[in-house]
Amino acid sequence: MTQTFKKVFARLFWSESQNEMVLAPNNEATFNVNLGRLLVGTLLYSDGMWYFNYSDEFKLQNRILPLTNFPSKEKEYSSKELWPFFASRIPSNAQLQIDKDTPQEDIVTLLRRFGRRTVANPYELLAVQ
């Protein structure tokens, strides 16, 4: 990719490395990841950490492959940063046309607001709490 294209592309999508993003260490949230009626797994944010694990229902089926960022059905994944699979669901400030002086919302709030569907993949992200 050319440097110009990278800059334009970076402005269109949120990146967990953007310094204006606010993480709320006391904000807890649970999201179900669904594909149609199948519960694929659960994304949890707690105490400043993200966790993802597959549902028992998903582990028992063999038709749908695990997500690229989470290749093992048996492992619980954890990270201080939101994985790209989920982060790509949050529009950038440029897409939302937010003024740079507007107070930033935390990532959990943004994921609740914008994360349910994306044109990039068929998975649905549903806030549980």
N, C-alpha and C. Protein backbone atom coordinates (compact mmCIF):
# COMPACT_ATOMS: atom_id res chain seq x y z
N MET A 1 0.83 -1.18 0.00
CA MET A 1 0.00 0.00 0.00
C MET A 1 0.88 1.24 0.00
N THR A 2 0.41 2.22 -0.70
CA THR A 2 1.15 3.48 -0.68
C THR A 2 0.90 4.20 0.64
N GLN A 3 1.80 5.08 1.01
CA GLN A 3 1.68 5.82 2.26
C GLN A 3 0.41 6.67 2.30
N THR A 4 0.05 7.28 1.18
CA THR A 4 -1.16 8.11 1.12
C THR A 4 -2.40 7.25 1.37
N PHE A 5 -2.47 6.09 0.72
CA PHE A 5 -3.61 5.21 0.90
C PHE A 5 -3.72 4.75 2.36
N LYS A 6 -2.59 4.43 2.98
CA LYS A 6 -2.59 4.01 4.38
C LYS A 6 -3.15 5.09 5.29
N LYS A 7 -2.78 6.34 5.04
CA LYS A 7 -3.28 7.45 5.85
C LYS A 7 -4.78 7.62 5.70
N VAL A 8 -5.27 7.56 4.47
CA VAL A 8 -6.70 7.70 4.22
C VAL A 8 -7.45 6.53 4.85
N PHE A 9 -6.97 5.33 4.66
CA PHE A 9 -7.60 4.13 5.21
C PHE A 9 -7.64 4.19 6.73
N ALA A 10 -6.56 4.62 7.35
CA ALA A 10 -6.47 4.70 8.82
C ALA A 10 -7.49 5.68 9.39
N ARG A 11 -7.83 6.73 8.65
CA ARG A 11 -8.80 7.71 9.14
C ARG A 11 -10.22 7.17 9.09
N LEU A 12 -10.48 6.17 8.26
CA LEU A 12 -11.83 5.65 8.11
C LEU A 12 -12.21 4.65 9.18
N PHE A 13 -11.25 4.01 9.81
CA PHE A 13 -11.54 2.97 10.78
C PHE A 13 -10.84 3.27 12.09
N TRP A 14 -11.53 2.92 13.17
CA TRP A 14 -10.97 3.12 14.48
C TRP A 14 -9.83 2.13 14.69
N SER A 15 -8.83 2.57 15.39
CA SER A 15 -7.71 1.70 15.74
C SER A 15 -7.49 1.79 17.23
N GLU A 16 -7.27 0.63 17.87
CA GLU A 16 -7.08 0.64 19.31
C GLU A 16 -5.84 1.43 19.73
N SER A 17 -4.99 1.77 18.79
CA SER A 17 -3.79 2.54 19.12
C SER A 17 -4.03 4.05 19.07
N GLN A 18 -5.21 4.48 18.62
CA GLN A 18 -5.48 5.92 18.57
C GLN A 18 -5.47 6.48 19.98
N ASN A 19 -4.71 7.55 20.17
CA ASN A 19 -4.56 8.08 21.51
C ASN A 19 -5.79 8.78 22.05
N GLU A 20 -6.76 9.13 21.23
CA GLU A 20 -7.94 9.80 21.74
C GLU A 20 -8.99 8.82 22.28
N MET A 21 -8.79 7.52 22.08
CA MET A 21 -9.77 6.54 22.54
C MET A 21 -9.67 6.40 24.05
N VAL A 22 -10.83 6.38 24.68
CA VAL A 22 -10.90 6.29 26.13
C VAL A 22 -11.27 4.88 26.53
N LEU A 23 -10.47 4.30 27.40
CA LEU A 23 -10.81 3.01 27.99
C LEU A 23 -11.33 3.27 29.39
N ALA A 24 -12.44 2.66 29.73
CA ALA A 24 -13.03 2.85 31.04
C ALA A 24 -12.77 1.62 31.89
N PRO A 25 -11.75 1.65 32.77
CA PRO A 25 -11.40 0.46 33.53
C PRO A 25 -12.51 -0.05 34.43
N ASN A 26 -13.44 0.80 34.84
CA ASN A 26 -14.52 0.36 35.72
C ASN A 26 -15.77 -0.06 34.97
N ASN A 27 -15.77 0.13 33.66
CA ASN A 27 -16.93 -0.20 32.84
C ASN A 27 -16.87 -1.68 32.47
N GLU A 28 -17.88 -2.44 32.84
CA GLU A 28 -17.94 -3.85 32.49
C GLU A 28 -19.02 -4.08 31.46
N ALA A 29 -18.78 -5.01 30.54
CA ALA A 29 -19.76 -5.29 29.50
C ALA A 29 -19.60 -6.72 29.00
N THR A 30 -20.73 -7.26 28.55
CA THR A 30 -20.74 -8.59 27.95
C THR A 30 -21.48 -8.49 26.62
N PHE A 31 -20.90 -9.10 25.59
CA PHE A 31 -21.50 -9.13 24.27
C PHE A 31 -21.55 -10.58 23.80
N ASN A 32 -22.67 -10.97 23.18
CA ASN A 32 -22.75 -12.27 22.53
C ASN A 32 -22.41 -12.09 21.06
N VAL A 33 -21.65 -13.02 20.52
CA VAL A 33 -21.31 -13.03 19.10
C VAL A 33 -22.16 -14.13 18.46
N ASN A 34 -23.04 -13.73 17.56
CA ASN A 34 -23.96 -14.67 16.92
C ASN A 34 -23.73 -14.74 15.42
N LEU A 35 -24.03 -15.89 14.88
CA LEU A 35 -24.09 -16.08 13.43
C LEU A 35 -25.44 -16.72 13.16
N GLY A 36 -26.39 -15.90 12.73
CA GLY A 36 -27.76 -16.38 12.65
C GLY A 36 -28.25 -16.70 14.05
N ARG A 37 -28.76 -17.92 14.25
CA ARG A 37 -29.25 -18.33 15.57
C ARG A 37 -28.17 -19.02 16.41
N LEU A 38 -26.99 -19.20 15.84
CA LEU A 38 -25.90 -19.87 16.55
C LEU A 38 -25.14 -18.88 17.43
N LEU A 39 -25.05 -19.18 18.73
CA LEU A 39 -24.21 -18.39 19.63
C LEU A 39 -22.77 -18.86 19.41
N VAL A 40 -21.97 -18.01 18.79
CA VAL A 40 -20.58 -18.35 18.49
C VAL A 40 -19.73 -18.24 19.74
N GLY A 41 -19.87 -17.14 20.46
CA GLY A 41 -19.06 -16.96 21.65
C GLY A 41 -19.46 -15.71 22.41
N THR A 42 -18.64 -15.38 23.41
CA THR A 42 -18.90 -14.24 24.27
C THR A 42 -17.66 -13.36 24.38
N LEU A 43 -17.88 -12.06 24.23
CA LEU A 43 -16.84 -11.05 24.43
C LEU A 43 -17.16 -10.36 25.73
N LEU A 44 -16.19 -10.30 26.63
CA LEU A 44 -16.38 -9.69 27.94
C LEU A 44 -15.31 -8.63 28.17
N TYR A 45 -15.72 -7.49 28.71
CA TYR A 45 -14.78 -6.45 29.14
C TYR A 45 -14.92 -6.30 30.64
N SER A 46 -13.83 -6.49 31.36
CA SER A 46 -13.85 -6.41 32.82
C SER A 46 -12.49 -6.01 33.34
N ASP A 47 -12.47 -5.06 34.28
CA ASP A 47 -11.23 -4.62 34.92
C ASP A 47 -10.13 -4.26 33.93
N GLY A 48 -10.52 -3.58 32.84
CA GLY A 48 -9.55 -3.12 31.87
C GLY A 48 -9.02 -4.19 30.92
N MET A 49 -9.65 -5.35 30.91
CA MET A 49 -9.22 -6.46 30.03
C MET A 49 -10.39 -6.95 29.20
N TRP A 50 -10.06 -7.38 27.98
CA TRP A 50 -11.03 -8.01 27.07
C TRP A 50 -10.83 -9.52 27.12
N TYR A 51 -11.94 -10.26 27.09
CA TYR A 51 -11.89 -11.72 27.09
C TYR A 51 -12.84 -12.23 26.00
N PHE A 52 -12.41 -13.29 25.31
CA PHE A 52 -13.29 -13.93 24.33
C PHE A 52 -13.18 -15.43 24.50
N ASN A 53 -14.34 -16.10 24.49
CA ASN A 53 -14.34 -17.56 24.46
C ASN A 53 -15.54 -18.05 23.65
N TYR A 54 -15.38 -19.22 23.08
CA TYR A 54 -16.44 -19.82 22.27
C TYR A 54 -17.50 -20.46 23.15
N SER A 55 -18.73 -20.49 22.66
CA SER A 55 -19.83 -21.13 23.38
C SER A 55 -19.71 -22.65 23.22
N ASP A 56 -20.33 -23.38 24.13
CA ASP A 56 -20.35 -24.84 24.02
C ASP A 56 -21.04 -25.27 22.73
N GLU A 57 -22.09 -24.54 22.36
CA GLU A 57 -22.82 -24.81 21.12
C GLU A 57 -21.89 -24.73 19.90
N PHE A 58 -21.05 -23.70 19.86
CA PHE A 58 -20.12 -23.53 18.75
C PHE A 58 -19.05 -24.63 18.76
N LYS A 59 -18.58 -24.98 19.93
CA LYS A 59 -17.54 -26.01 20.06
C LYS A 59 -18.02 -27.37 19.54
N LEU A 60 -19.30 -27.65 19.69
CA LEU A 60 -19.85 -28.94 19.28
C LEU A 60 -20.12 -29.05 17.78
N GLN A 61 -20.22 -27.92 17.09
CA GLN A 61 -20.51 -27.97 15.65
C GLN A 61 -19.20 -28.01 14.86
N ASN A 62 -19.27 -28.50 13.62
CA ASN A 62 -18.08 -28.61 12.77
C ASN A 62 -18.22 -27.91 11.43
N ARG A 63 -19.34 -27.26 11.17
CA ARG A 63 -19.56 -26.62 9.87
C ARG A 63 -18.89 -25.27 9.74
N ILE A 64 -18.82 -24.52 10.83
CA ILE A 64 -18.27 -23.16 10.80
C ILE A 64 -16.90 -23.15 11.46
N LEU A 65 -15.93 -22.60 10.75
CA LEU A 65 -14.57 -22.53 11.27
C LEU A 65 -14.45 -21.46 12.35
N PRO A 66 -13.49 -21.62 13.27
CA PRO A 66 -13.25 -20.57 14.26
C PRO A 66 -12.83 -19.27 13.60
N LEU A 67 -13.05 -18.17 14.31
CA LEU A 67 -12.65 -16.85 13.81
C LEU A 67 -11.13 -16.79 13.71
N THR A 68 -10.63 -16.04 12.74
CA THR A 68 -9.19 -15.96 12.48
C THR A 68 -8.39 -15.51 13.70
N ASN A 69 -8.89 -14.51 14.42
CA ASN A 69 -8.18 -14.02 15.60
C ASN A 69 -8.22 -15.00 16.77
N PHE A 70 -9.10 -16.00 16.69
CA PHE A 70 -9.31 -16.93 17.79
C PHE A 70 -9.35 -18.37 17.26
N PRO A 71 -8.21 -18.92 16.87
CA PRO A 71 -8.19 -20.20 16.16
C PRO A 71 -8.54 -21.43 17.01
N SER A 72 -8.33 -21.39 18.31
CA SER A 72 -8.62 -22.55 19.16
C SER A 72 -9.99 -22.41 19.81
N LYS A 73 -10.84 -23.42 19.62
CA LYS A 73 -12.17 -23.40 20.22
C LYS A 73 -12.11 -23.57 21.74
N GLU A 74 -11.05 -24.14 22.25
CA GLU A 74 -10.97 -24.47 23.67
C GLU A 74 -10.34 -23.38 24.53
N LYS A 75 -9.64 -22.45 23.93
CA LYS A 75 -8.89 -21.45 24.68
C LYS A 75 -9.76 -20.24 25.04
N GLU A 76 -9.51 -19.65 26.22
CA GLU A 76 -10.08 -18.34 26.53
C GLU A 76 -9.02 -17.31 26.20
N TYR A 77 -9.36 -16.36 25.35
CA TYR A 77 -8.43 -15.32 24.91
C TYR A 77 -8.58 -14.09 25.79
N SER A 78 -7.47 -13.42 26.06
CA SER A 78 -7.52 -12.19 26.83
C SER A 78 -6.51 -11.19 26.27
N SER A 79 -6.86 -9.90 26.40
CA SER A 79 -6.01 -8.84 25.87
C SER A 79 -6.39 -7.51 26.51
N LYS A 80 -5.42 -6.64 26.63
CA LYS A 80 -5.72 -5.28 27.10
C LYS A 80 -6.31 -4.43 25.98
N GLU A 81 -6.07 -4.82 24.74
CA GLU A 81 -6.57 -4.09 23.57
C GLU A 81 -7.67 -4.90 22.89
N LEU A 82 -8.66 -4.19 22.38
CA LEU A 82 -9.75 -4.84 21.66
C LEU A 82 -9.22 -5.39 20.34
N TRP A 83 -9.54 -6.64 20.05
CA TRP A 83 -9.07 -7.29 18.82
C TRP A 83 -9.64 -6.62 17.58
N PRO A 84 -8.89 -6.62 16.47
CA PRO A 84 -9.35 -5.99 15.23
C PRO A 84 -10.72 -6.48 14.74
N PHE A 85 -11.04 -7.75 14.98
CA PHE A 85 -12.34 -8.29 14.57
C PHE A 85 -13.48 -7.45 15.15
N PHE A 86 -13.32 -6.99 16.38
CA PHE A 86 -14.35 -6.18 17.04
C PHE A 86 -14.11 -4.69 16.84
N ALA A 87 -12.85 -4.26 16.90
CA ALA A 87 -12.51 -2.84 16.77
C ALA A 87 -12.95 -2.27 15.43
N SER A 88 -12.93 -3.09 14.39
CA SER A 88 -13.31 -2.61 13.06
C SER A 88 -14.78 -2.23 12.98
N ARG A 89 -15.57 -2.60 13.97
CA ARG A 89 -16.99 -2.26 14.01
C ARG A 89 -17.24 -0.82 14.46
N ILE A 90 -16.22 -0.18 15.02
CA ILE A 90 -16.37 1.17 15.55
C ILE A 90 -15.89 2.17 14.49
N PRO A 91 -16.78 3.04 14.03
CA PRO A 91 -16.37 4.04 13.04
C PRO A 91 -15.35 5.02 13.63
N SER A 92 -14.53 5.57 12.79
CA SER A 92 -13.57 6.57 13.24
C SER A 92 -14.29 7.90 13.47
N ASN A 93 -13.61 8.81 14.16
CA ASN A 93 -14.17 10.15 14.36
C ASN A 93 -14.39 10.85 13.02
N ALA A 94 -13.54 10.58 12.04
CA ALA A 94 -13.69 11.19 10.72
C ALA A 94 -15.00 10.72 10.07
N GLN A 95 -15.31 9.43 10.19
CA GLN A 95 -16.56 8.92 9.62
C GLN A 95 -17.77 9.52 10.33
N LEU A 96 -17.65 9.70 11.63
CA LEU A 96 -18.77 10.22 12.41
C LEU A 96 -18.85 11.74 12.35
N GLN A 97 -17.85 12.35 11.76
CA GLN A 97 -17.76 13.81 11.65
C GLN A 97 -17.81 14.46 13.03
N ILE A 98 -17.04 13.89 13.97
CA ILE A 98 -16.97 14.43 15.33
C ILE A 98 -15.85 15.44 15.40
N ASP A 99 -16.16 16.58 15.98
CA ASP A 99 -15.17 17.64 16.18
C ASP A 99 -14.12 17.15 17.16
N LYS A 100 -12.87 17.54 16.95
CA LYS A 100 -11.78 17.08 17.80
C LYS A 100 -11.91 17.57 19.24
N ASP A 101 -12.72 18.61 19.50
CA ASP A 101 -12.92 19.13 20.84
C ASP A 101 -14.07 18.45 21.58
N THR A 102 -14.81 17.58 20.89
CA THR A 102 -15.91 16.87 21.52
C THR A 102 -15.35 15.80 22.46
N PRO A 103 -15.90 15.70 23.68
CA PRO A 103 -15.42 14.67 24.61
C PRO A 103 -15.58 13.28 24.00
N GLN A 104 -14.58 12.46 24.18
CA GLN A 104 -14.59 11.12 23.61
C GLN A 104 -15.36 10.14 24.48
N GLU A 105 -16.12 9.25 23.85
CA GLU A 105 -16.81 8.20 24.58
C GLU A 105 -15.86 7.02 24.74
N ASP A 106 -16.10 6.23 25.76
CA ASP A 106 -15.23 5.07 25.95
C ASP A 106 -15.56 3.98 24.93
N ILE A 107 -14.63 3.09 24.75
CA ILE A 107 -14.72 2.07 23.71
C ILE A 107 -15.91 1.13 23.92
N VAL A 108 -16.24 0.83 25.17
CA VAL A 108 -17.37 -0.05 25.46
C VAL A 108 -18.67 0.60 25.00
N THR A 109 -18.84 1.87 25.29
CA THR A 109 -20.04 2.60 24.86
C THR A 109 -20.14 2.63 23.34
N LEU A 110 -19.02 2.88 22.68
CA LEU A 110 -19.02 2.91 21.21
C LEU A 110 -19.33 1.54 20.62
N LEU A 111 -18.80 0.49 21.24
CA LEU A 111 -19.07 -0.86 20.74
C LEU A 111 -20.55 -1.21 20.93
N ARG A 112 -21.12 -0.79 22.04
CA ARG A 112 -22.57 -1.00 22.26
C ARG A 112 -23.39 -0.26 21.20
N ARG A 113 -22.98 0.95 20.89
CA ARG A 113 -23.75 1.79 19.97
C ARG A 113 -23.61 1.35 18.51
N PHE A 114 -22.38 1.05 18.09
CA PHE A 114 -22.12 0.81 16.67
C PHE A 114 -21.76 -0.64 16.31
N GLY A 115 -21.52 -1.48 17.30
CA GLY A 115 -20.93 -2.78 17.03
C GLY A 115 -21.83 -3.90 16.59
N ARG A 116 -23.12 -3.70 16.65
CA ARG A 116 -24.04 -4.82 16.39
C ARG A 116 -23.81 -5.48 15.02
N ARG A 117 -23.77 -4.69 13.99
CA ARG A 117 -23.60 -5.23 12.63
C ARG A 117 -22.52 -4.48 11.89
N THR A 118 -21.95 -5.16 10.92
CA THR A 118 -20.97 -4.54 10.04
C THR A 118 -21.11 -5.15 8.65
N VAL A 119 -20.76 -4.38 7.65
CA VAL A 119 -20.82 -4.91 6.28
C VAL A 119 -19.64 -5.84 6.02
N ALA A 120 -18.65 -5.81 6.90
CA ALA A 120 -17.42 -6.59 6.69
C ALA A 120 -17.59 -8.08 6.98
N ASN A 121 -18.56 -8.45 7.84
CA ASN A 121 -18.75 -9.87 8.12
C ASN A 121 -20.18 -10.14 8.58
N PRO A 122 -20.62 -11.40 8.54
CA PRO A 122 -22.01 -11.72 8.86
C PRO A 122 -22.30 -11.89 10.36
N TYR A 123 -21.29 -11.76 11.20
CA TYR A 123 -21.48 -11.96 12.63
C TYR A 123 -22.17 -10.75 13.26
N GLU A 124 -23.00 -11.03 14.27
CA GLU A 124 -23.72 -9.99 14.97
C GLU A 124 -23.20 -9.92 16.40
N LEU A 125 -23.02 -8.72 16.91
CA LEU A 125 -22.52 -8.50 18.26
C LEU A 125 -23.65 -7.87 19.07
N LEU A 126 -24.16 -8.62 20.06
CA LEU A 126 -25.30 -8.17 20.84
C LEU A 126 -24.90 -7.92 22.28
N ALA A 127 -25.12 -6.68 22.75
CA ALA A 127 -24.80 -6.34 24.14
C ALA A 127 -25.74 -7.09 25.07
N VAL A 128 -25.17 -7.74 26.09
CA VAL A 128 -25.96 -8.48 27.07
C VAL A 128 -26.23 -7.60 28.28
N GLN A 129 -25.23 -6.82 28.69
CA GLN A 129 -25.41 -5.92 29.84
C GLN A 129 -24.71 -4.61 29.60
